């Protein structure tokens, strides 16, 4: 099967470094390729199971948002 084409333009390769599961949701931390940057995603526990996510698995982080907020110190 060939890779799927997606409309989401922000696609960042990385590796799962931690998964914390709750009753219905899970927090997945992904270290982006080539650096120390960690992206955190909240997804359903069912999605973690369906994607067979485990620490060390390579994934693609897909970011699609209509709003991006920024903050700076005073």
C-alpha atoms as a PDB file:
ATOM      1  CA  UNK A   1       0.000   0.000   0.000  1.00  0.00           C
ATOM      2  CA  UNK A   2       1.341   3.435  -0.918  1.00  0.00           C
ATOM      3  CA  UNK A   3       1.373   6.293   1.628  1.00  0.00           C
ATOM      4  CA  UNK A   4      -1.871   8.214   1.870  1.00  0.00           C
ATOM      5  CA  UNK A   5      -1.974  11.802   0.632  1.00  0.00           C
ATOM      6  CA  UNK A   6      -3.466  14.193   3.174  1.00  0.00           C
ATOM      7  CA  UNK A   7      -4.736  17.748   3.014  1.00  0.00           C
ATOM      8  CA  UNK A   8      -3.038  18.507   6.314  1.00  0.00           C
ATOM      9  CA  UNK A   9       0.132  20.424   5.447  1.00  0.00           C
ATOM     10  CA  UNK A  10       1.803  20.361   8.855  1.00  0.00           C
ATOM     11  CA  UNK A  11       3.214  16.835   8.948  1.00  0.00           C
ATOM     12  CA  UNK A  12       6.103  16.260  11.351  1.00  0.00           C
ATOM     13  CA  UNK A  13       7.948  12.944  11.655  1.00  0.00           C
ATOM     14  CA  UNK A  14       8.805  11.745  15.124  1.00  0.00           C
ATOM     15  CA  UNK A  15       9.028   8.918  17.633  1.00  0.00           C
ATOM     16  CA  UNK A  16       6.652   8.134  20.489  1.00  0.00           C
ATOM     17  CA  UNK A  17       8.503   8.684  23.779  1.00  0.00           C
ATOM     18  CA  UNK A  18       5.666   8.348  26.307  1.00  0.00           C
ATOM     19  CA  UNK A  19       2.025   7.321  26.551  1.00  0.00           C
ATOM     20  CA  UNK A  20      -0.175   7.998  29.567  1.00  0.00           C
ATOM     21  CA  UNK A  21      -3.584   6.380  29.351  1.00  0.00           C
ATOM     22  CA  UNK A  22      -6.690   7.290  31.290  1.00  0.00           C
ATOM     23  CA  UNK A  23     -10.144   5.768  31.269  1.00  0.00           C
ATOM     24  CA  UNK A  24     -11.172   7.231  27.899  1.00  0.00           C
ATOM     25  CA  UNK A  25      -8.293   9.454  26.742  1.00  0.00           C
ATOM     26  CA  UNK A  26      -4.528   9.162  26.380  1.00  0.00           C
ATOM     27  CA  UNK A  27      -1.691  11.671  26.275  1.00  0.00           C
ATOM     28  CA  UNK A  28       0.991  10.776  23.725  1.00  0.00           C
ATOM     29  CA  UNK A  29       4.358  12.544  23.675  1.00  0.00           C
ATOM     30  CA  UNK A  30       6.325  12.488  20.408  1.00  0.00           C
ATOM     31  CA  UNK A  31       9.948  13.606  19.972  1.00  0.00           C
ATOM     32  CA  UNK A  32      10.272  15.252  16.575  1.00  0.00           C
ATOM     33  CA  UNK A  33      12.925  13.919  14.223  1.00  0.00           C
ATOM     34  CA  UNK A  34      16.284  15.655  14.346  1.00  0.00           C
ATOM     35  CA  UNK A  35      15.879  17.355  17.695  1.00  0.00           C
ATOM     36  CA  UNK A  36      14.718  17.488  21.263  1.00  0.00           C
ATOM     37  CA  UNK A  37      11.331  19.071  20.572  1.00  0.00           C
ATOM     38  CA  UNK A  38       8.424  17.174  22.124  1.00  0.00           C
ATOM     39  CA  UNK A  39       4.860  17.476  20.805  1.00  0.00           C
ATOM     40  CA  UNK A  40       2.026  16.369  23.079  1.00  0.00           C
ATOM     41  CA  UNK A  41      -1.234  15.023  21.694  1.00  0.00           C
ATOM     42  CA  UNK A  42      -4.444  14.047  23.484  1.00  0.00           C
ATOM     43  CA  UNK A  43      -6.232  11.250  21.643  1.00  0.00           C
ATOM     44  CA  UNK A  44      -8.690   8.549  22.602  1.00  0.00           C
ATOM     45  CA  UNK A  45      -7.445   5.425  24.305  1.00  0.00           C
ATOM     46  CA  UNK A  46      -9.135   3.489  21.491  1.00  0.00           C
ATOM     47  CA  UNK A  47      -7.006   5.378  18.924  1.00  0.00           C
ATOM     48  CA  UNK A  48      -3.840   4.398  20.810  1.00  0.00           C
ATOM     49  CA  UNK A  49      -4.913   0.761  20.615  1.00  0.00           C
ATOM     50  CA  UNK A  50      -6.036   0.947  16.962  1.00  0.00           C
ATOM     51  CA  UNK A  51      -2.737   2.574  15.907  1.00  0.00           C
ATOM     52  CA  UNK A  52      -0.794   0.110  18.073  1.00  0.00           C
ATOM     53  CA  UNK A  53       1.144   2.990  19.582  1.00  0.00           C
ATOM     54  CA  UNK A  54       4.034   2.074  21.879  1.00  0.00           C
ATOM     55  CA  UNK A  55       7.153   3.905  22.990  1.00  0.00           C
ATOM     56  CA  UNK A  56       9.719   3.861  20.182  1.00  0.00           C
ATOM     57  CA  UNK A  57       7.166   3.660  17.356  1.00  0.00           C
ATOM     58  CA  UNK A  58       7.743   6.088  14.495  1.00  0.00           C
ATOM     59  CA  UNK A  59       4.727   8.271  13.734  1.00  0.00           C
ATOM     60  CA  UNK A  60       3.764  11.384  11.806  1.00  0.00           C
ATOM     61  CA  UNK A  61       2.305  14.247  13.842  1.00  0.00           C
ATOM     62  CA  UNK A  62      -0.493  15.939  11.887  1.00  0.00           C
ATOM     63  CA  UNK A  63      -1.339  19.490  12.967  1.00  0.00           C
ATOM     64  CA  UNK A  64      -4.418  21.165  11.575  1.00  0.00           C
ATOM     65  CA  UNK A  65      -5.803  24.179  13.311  1.00  0.00           C
ATOM     66  CA  UNK A  66      -7.806  27.247  12.493  1.00  0.00           C
ATOM     67  CA  UNK A  67      -6.256  29.109  15.413  1.00  0.00           C
ATOM     68  CA  UNK A  68      -2.704  29.259  16.715  1.00  0.00           C
ATOM     69  CA  UNK A  69      -2.013  31.198  19.895  1.00  0.00           C
ATOM     70  CA  UNK A  70       1.323  32.719  20.921  1.00  0.00           C
ATOM     71  CA  UNK A  71       2.535  34.099  24.222  1.00  0.00           C
ATOM     72  CA  UNK A  72       5.515  36.198  25.341  1.00  0.00           C
ATOM     73  CA  UNK A  73       6.825  37.350  28.674  1.00  0.00           C
ATOM     74  CA  UNK A  74       6.172  40.970  29.635  1.00  0.00           C
END
